[in-house]
Amino acid sequence: MAKNIYARTLYFLCEDKNAQYPNVERIEKTLGLPIPKMEPQEFMLAMQQHKHKILLIDHNDYQKLNSAIRNLPLSNKIFETVIFNVEKRLTTDELLSFGNLKALFYRNDAIEDIAYGCGEVINSQNWLPRKVAAQLLHHYRHVIDSQTAPATVDLTTREIQILRSLKTGASNIQIAEDLFISEFTVKSHLYQIFKKLSVKNRVQAISWANQHLMS
């Protein structure tokens, strides 16, 4: 398949990268691209060294992987996730546990369909079943309705995103990478945020966010 200039690499998160995973090998062959394997102990190192990986995860193995890395930090937005081999419809909370979920495939989905969807994700698209997309859309609409900034402070959606990133301790460079904007743009947004909140620095802005914005 042809990759666009923004394409990333898909990694299979597994317990033992020397083991055989027939379904993943079939996806890899059909996709026509290598899918490197990543063990749990490598995952935390990747958190520090690499940005914007896409993780392919067998839903059957998720609990074991979660045990190997306590509170598996998939919710970190630097990772996009593709979940396959899902037996039944998941609850919204379960979907949210996978963080930046880009694609989900059920157990009876054909390998060709999974490979095609993975290719779309590699090229920066989403590939979610309609009902899953509807669940997540309903959730985030509720979040926006209930957790937006007070009416007295006219923050833009991007400024709220940056405030939430500040709460996690992210640097300007990390925020820029996570939101796919330049570091200069981040600084410009921070200037406007400080001005609107009548604060002088990041610490004061984070304090305001902790009081007014939920994670």
Protein backbone atom coordinates (compact mmCIF):
# COMPACT_ATOMS: atom_id res chain seq x y z
CA MET A 1 0.00 0.00 0.00
CA ALA A 2 1.09 3.58 -0.56
CA LYS A 3 1.91 5.57 2.57
CA ASN A 4 1.44 9.31 2.71
CA ILE A 5 4.11 11.64 4.04
CA TYR A 6 2.53 11.65 7.50
CA ALA A 7 2.30 7.85 7.82
CA ARG A 8 3.40 6.29 11.07
CA THR A 9 4.39 2.73 11.99
CA LEU A 10 1.99 0.18 13.44
CA TYR A 11 3.43 -1.82 16.38
CA PHE A 12 1.92 -5.00 17.82
CA LEU A 13 1.92 -4.88 21.64
CA CYS A 14 2.40 -8.44 22.90
CA GLU A 15 3.69 -10.48 25.82
CA ASP A 16 6.50 -12.19 23.89
CA LYS A 17 7.75 -10.84 20.58
CA ASN A 18 9.44 -14.17 19.80
CA ALA A 19 6.12 -16.02 19.90
CA GLN A 20 4.00 -16.73 16.85
CA TYR A 21 0.88 -14.63 16.26
CA PRO A 22 -0.80 -16.05 13.14
CA ASN A 23 -3.51 -13.38 12.86
CA VAL A 24 -0.97 -10.56 13.10
CA GLU A 25 1.23 -12.26 10.52
CA ARG A 26 -1.79 -12.52 8.20
CA ILE A 27 -2.63 -8.84 8.74
CA GLU A 28 1.01 -7.94 8.07
CA LYS A 29 1.10 -9.99 4.87
CA THR A 30 -2.21 -8.60 3.59
CA LEU A 31 -1.27 -5.04 4.54
CA GLY A 32 2.07 -5.36 2.78
CA LEU A 33 3.92 -3.57 5.58
CA PRO A 34 5.98 -4.86 8.53
CA ILE A 35 4.33 -4.74 11.96
CA PRO A 36 7.18 -4.72 14.53
CA LYS A 37 6.42 -6.39 17.86
CA MET A 38 6.76 -4.53 21.17
CA GLU A 39 6.82 -6.19 24.59
CA PRO A 40 5.41 -4.53 27.73
CA GLN A 41 8.85 -3.70 29.12
CA GLU A 42 9.64 -1.80 25.92
CA PHE A 43 6.41 0.13 26.08
CA MET A 44 7.45 2.47 28.89
CA LEU A 45 10.74 3.20 27.15
CA ALA A 46 8.80 4.07 24.01
CA MET A 47 6.75 6.49 26.08
CA GLN A 48 9.92 8.46 26.73
CA GLN A 49 11.70 8.17 23.40
CA HIS A 50 9.16 8.01 20.61
CA LYS A 51 6.06 9.96 19.68
CA HIS A 52 2.94 9.06 17.77
CA LYS A 53 3.26 5.30 17.65
CA ILE A 54 0.20 3.27 16.67
CA LEU A 55 -0.36 0.23 18.87
CA LEU A 56 -2.11 -2.88 17.54
CA ILE A 57 -3.59 -4.88 20.43
CA ASP A 58 -5.35 -8.25 20.53
CA HIS A 59 -8.33 -7.66 22.82
CA ASN A 60 -7.98 -11.23 24.12
CA ASP A 61 -4.56 -10.37 25.53
CA TYR A 62 -5.41 -6.94 26.89
CA GLN A 63 -5.94 -7.99 30.52
CA LYS A 64 -2.63 -9.86 30.58
CA LEU A 65 -0.83 -6.89 29.05
CA ASN A 66 -2.51 -4.58 31.54
CA SER A 67 -1.24 -6.79 34.36
CA ALA A 68 2.28 -6.77 32.93
CA ILE A 69 2.22 -2.97 32.99
CA ARG A 70 0.05 -1.90 35.88
CA ASN A 71 -2.48 0.65 34.66
CA LEU A 72 -1.30 0.36 31.07
CA PRO A 73 -0.96 4.05 30.06
CA LEU A 74 -2.82 3.80 26.77
CA SER A 75 -4.72 6.96 27.60
CA ASN A 76 -1.58 8.96 26.83
CA LYS A 77 -2.45 10.77 23.61
CA ILE A 78 0.94 10.17 22.05
CA PHE A 79 -0.27 6.65 21.28
CA GLU A 80 -3.05 5.75 18.88
CA THR A 81 -4.61 2.34 19.38
CA VAL A 82 -6.07 -0.29 17.08
CA ILE A 83 -7.97 -3.06 18.85
CA PHE A 84 -8.85 -6.33 17.11
CA ASN A 85 -10.39 -9.68 18.03
CA VAL A 86 -13.16 -8.01 20.07
CA GLU A 87 -15.80 -10.60 20.94
CA LYS A 88 -18.75 -8.33 21.70
CA ARG A 89 -19.77 -4.70 21.88
CA LEU A 90 -17.79 -2.80 24.51
CA THR A 91 -19.11 -0.26 26.98
CA THR A 92 -18.16 3.38 26.56
CA ASP A 93 -15.87 3.15 29.61
CA GLU A 94 -14.08 0.19 28.05
CA LEU A 95 -13.65 2.10 24.79
CA LEU A 96 -12.24 5.10 26.65
CA SER A 97 -9.69 2.89 28.41
CA PHE A 98 -7.92 2.52 25.07
CA GLY A 99 -7.22 6.24 24.93
CA ASN A 100 -6.86 7.56 21.38
CA LEU A 101 -8.80 4.69 19.79
CA LYS A 102 -8.45 4.87 16.01
CA ALA A 103 -9.87 1.51 14.90
CA LEU A 104 -11.75 -1.45 16.35
CA PHE A 105 -12.34 -4.84 14.75
CA TYR A 106 -14.54 -7.71 15.89
CA ARG A 107 -13.58 -11.37 16.02
CA ASN A 108 -15.58 -12.24 12.92
CA ASP A 109 -14.10 -9.44 10.78
CA ALA A 110 -12.15 -10.66 7.77
CA ILE A 111 -8.36 -10.28 7.80
CA GLU A 112 -8.61 -8.30 4.56
CA ASP A 113 -10.95 -5.80 6.21
CA ILE A 114 -8.70 -5.48 9.26
CA ALA A 115 -5.62 -4.95 7.10
CA TYR A 116 -7.40 -2.32 5.02
CA GLY A 117 -8.58 -0.48 8.14
CA CYS A 118 -5.06 -0.59 9.62
CA GLY A 119 -3.74 0.91 6.41
CA GLU A 120 -6.21 3.77 6.71
CA VAL A 121 -5.12 4.41 10.31
CA ILE A 122 -1.46 4.43 9.27
CA ASN A 123 -2.44 7.13 6.80
CA SER A 124 -4.07 9.22 9.55
CA GLN A 125 -7.70 8.09 9.20
CA ASN A 126 -10.14 6.61 11.73
CA TRP A 127 -11.72 3.20 11.16
CA LEU A 128 -14.37 2.66 13.80
CA PRO A 129 -17.66 0.76 13.51
CA ARG A 130 -20.62 3.11 13.30
CA LYS A 131 -22.01 2.17 16.72
CA VAL A 132 -18.60 2.65 18.36
CA ALA A 133 -18.18 6.05 16.73
CA ALA A 134 -21.69 6.99 17.92
CA GLN A 135 -20.85 5.95 21.50
CA LEU A 136 -17.71 8.05 21.58
CA LEU A 137 -19.38 11.01 19.88
CA HIS A 138 -22.19 10.96 22.46
CA HIS A 139 -19.63 10.82 25.29
CA TYR A 140 -17.51 13.71 24.04
CA ARG A 141 -20.55 15.86 23.30
CA HIS A 142 -21.57 15.37 26.92
CA VAL A 143 -18.03 16.24 28.07
CA ILE A 144 -18.04 19.44 26.03
CA ASP A 145 -21.49 20.42 27.29
CA SER A 146 -20.66 19.78 30.94
CA GLN A 147 -16.97 20.64 31.22
CA THR A 148 -16.43 23.76 29.13
CA ALA A 149 -14.87 26.79 30.73
CA PRO A 150 -17.06 29.22 32.69
CA ALA A 151 -18.93 31.75 30.56
CA THR A 152 -16.98 34.57 32.16
CA VAL A 153 -13.78 33.33 30.47
CA ASP A 154 -14.00 33.17 26.69
CA LEU A 155 -11.52 30.37 25.96
CA THR A 156 -11.37 28.74 22.55
CA THR A 157 -11.49 24.96 22.11
CA ARG A 158 -7.74 24.93 21.35
CA GLU A 159 -6.96 26.99 24.45
CA ILE A 160 -8.92 24.53 26.58
CA GLN A 161 -6.96 21.66 24.99
CA ILE A 162 -3.69 23.38 25.85
CA LEU A 163 -4.83 24.05 29.42
CA ARG A 164 -5.64 20.37 29.85
CA SER A 165 -2.19 19.50 28.47
CA LEU A 166 -0.62 21.87 31.01
CA LYS A 167 -2.38 19.94 33.77
CA THR A 168 -0.51 16.79 32.71
CA GLY A 169 2.83 18.58 33.03
CA ALA A 170 3.46 18.63 29.28
CA SER A 171 6.14 20.98 27.94
CA ASN A 172 5.55 23.37 25.04
CA ILE A 173 7.30 20.93 22.69
CA GLN A 174 5.17 18.01 23.91
CA ILE A 175 1.98 20.05 23.50
CA ALA A 176 3.03 21.04 19.99
CA GLU A 177 3.69 17.41 19.04
CA ASP A 178 0.46 16.13 20.60
CA LEU A 179 -1.69 18.76 18.87
CA PHE A 180 0.30 18.80 15.60
CA ILE A 181 1.03 22.52 15.81
CA SER A 182 4.26 24.51 16.06
CA GLU A 183 5.92 25.43 19.35
CA PHE A 184 5.52 29.09 18.36
CA THR A 185 1.75 28.55 18.05
CA VAL A 186 1.68 26.97 21.51
CA LYS A 187 3.46 30.01 22.96
CA SER A 188 0.97 32.32 21.24
CA HIS A 189 -1.94 30.37 22.71
CA LEU A 190 -0.36 30.44 26.17
CA TYR A 191 0.01 34.22 25.95
CA GLN A 192 -3.68 34.55 25.17
CA ILE A 193 -4.62 32.05 27.92
CA PHE A 194 -2.59 33.92 30.56
CA LYS A 195 -4.17 37.19 29.44
CA LYS A 196 -7.73 35.85 29.56
CA LEU A 197 -7.26 34.18 32.95
CA SER A 198 -5.36 37.15 34.40
CA VAL A 199 -2.49 34.90 35.46
CA LYS A 200 1.25 35.41 35.14
CA ASN A 201 2.66 31.93 34.59
CA ARG A 202 2.00 28.23 33.95
CA VAL A 203 1.66 27.39 37.63
CA GLN A 204 -1.16 29.88 38.06
CA ALA A 205 -2.82 28.71 34.83
CA ILE A 206 -2.66 25.08 36.00
CA SER A 207 -4.16 26.11 39.34
CA TRP A 208 -7.05 27.77 37.49
CA ALA A 209 -7.53 24.70 35.28
CA ASN A 210 -7.57 22.37 38.30
CA GLN A 211 -10.44 24.38 39.73
CA HIS A 212 -12.47 24.87 36.56
CA LEU A 213 -11.65 22.09 34.10
CA MET A 214 -12.04 18.37 34.52
CA SER A 215 -9.41 16.07 32.96
